[in-house]
Amino acid sequence: MIQYAISEIRLSNKLRGKTILELEFRKRFGLNIIAIVRGNETIVEIMPSLQLKTEDLIAVVGTKDSILKFERYLTS
């Protein structure tokens, strides 16, 4: 049985300035970004051209394994 989860993840410098399109987020990590919290703003219309910032907190949905894979990528 596949288990899905929603998780909030603080981004690292590794992704700073990269766009959602550049990262091929769905293809590489199997995750969908459902929101980005940036300061006092919550972005729910996630466009491929959106550039990520180090302080962004992203909400993702996907399998637990995919979430763990992405978290490992951020810290590697």
Protein backbone atom coordinates (compact mmCIF):
# COMPACT_ATOMS: atom_id res chain seq x y z
CA MET A 1 0.00 0.00 0.00
CA ILE A 2 1.40 3.37 -1.05
CA GLN A 3 1.22 6.03 1.66
CA TYR A 4 0.82 9.65 0.67
CA ALA A 5 1.58 12.64 2.83
CA ILE A 6 1.63 16.42 2.84
CA SER A 7 4.80 17.91 4.24
CA GLU A 8 6.24 21.38 4.81
CA ILE A 9 9.92 21.63 3.93
CA ARG A 10 12.29 24.56 4.43
CA LEU A 11 14.48 25.01 1.36
CA SER A 12 18.27 25.15 1.45
CA ASN A 13 20.75 27.30 -0.49
CA LYS A 14 21.00 24.42 -2.94
CA LEU A 15 17.80 25.55 -4.69
CA ARG A 16 18.18 29.32 -4.40
CA GLY A 17 17.39 31.06 -7.70
CA LYS A 18 16.26 27.88 -9.44
CA THR A 19 12.84 27.72 -11.05
CA ILE A 20 10.27 24.97 -10.63
CA LEU A 21 10.74 24.17 -14.34
CA GLU A 22 14.54 23.95 -14.04
CA LEU A 23 14.27 21.53 -11.16
CA GLU A 24 11.80 19.27 -13.01
CA PHE A 25 10.22 18.89 -9.60
CA ARG A 26 7.55 16.32 -10.44
CA LYS A 27 9.81 14.29 -12.71
CA ARG A 28 12.85 14.20 -10.39
CA PHE A 29 11.18 13.96 -7.00
CA GLY A 30 7.63 12.73 -7.67
CA LEU A 31 6.22 15.61 -5.64
CA ASN A 32 3.68 18.32 -6.31
CA ILE A 33 4.17 21.72 -4.71
CA ILE A 34 0.82 22.89 -3.36
CA ALA A 35 1.95 26.12 -1.69
CA ILE A 36 4.99 28.24 -0.97
CA VAL A 37 5.20 30.43 2.12
CA ARG A 38 7.53 33.36 1.53
CA GLY A 39 7.64 35.81 4.43
CA ASN A 40 4.04 36.87 5.08
CA GLU A 41 2.87 35.73 1.64
CA THR A 42 1.43 32.34 0.71
CA ILE A 43 1.69 31.48 -2.97
CA VAL A 44 -0.77 28.85 -4.19
CA GLU A 45 -0.56 29.47 -7.93
CA ILE A 46 2.72 27.69 -8.59
CA MET A 47 4.03 28.71 -11.99
CA PRO A 48 6.91 26.84 -13.69
CA SER A 49 8.86 30.12 -13.92
CA LEU A 50 8.67 30.79 -10.16
CA GLN A 51 12.17 31.22 -8.71
CA LEU A 52 12.77 29.62 -5.33
CA LYS A 53 14.43 31.42 -2.44
CA THR A 54 16.44 29.99 0.45
CA GLU A 55 13.92 31.09 3.08
CA ASP A 56 10.92 29.56 1.25
CA LEU A 57 8.83 27.00 3.07
CA ILE A 58 7.18 24.71 0.56
CA ALA A 59 4.19 22.46 1.09
CA VAL A 60 4.39 19.31 -1.02
CA VAL A 61 2.21 16.28 -1.55
CA GLY A 62 3.54 12.89 -2.59
CA THR A 63 4.54 9.51 -1.29
CA LYS A 64 6.45 9.35 1.97
CA ASP A 65 9.39 7.85 0.07
CA SER A 66 9.41 10.77 -2.39
CA ILE A 67 9.36 13.29 0.45
CA LEU A 68 12.31 11.54 2.14
CA LYS A 69 14.21 11.45 -1.17
CA PHE A 70 13.75 15.22 -1.60
CA GLU A 71 14.78 15.93 2.00
CA ARG A 72 17.96 13.87 1.50
CA TYR A 73 18.68 15.78 -1.71
CA LEU A 74 18.43 19.11 0.15
CA THR A 75 20.97 18.03 2.76
CA SER A 76 23.45 16.27 0.46
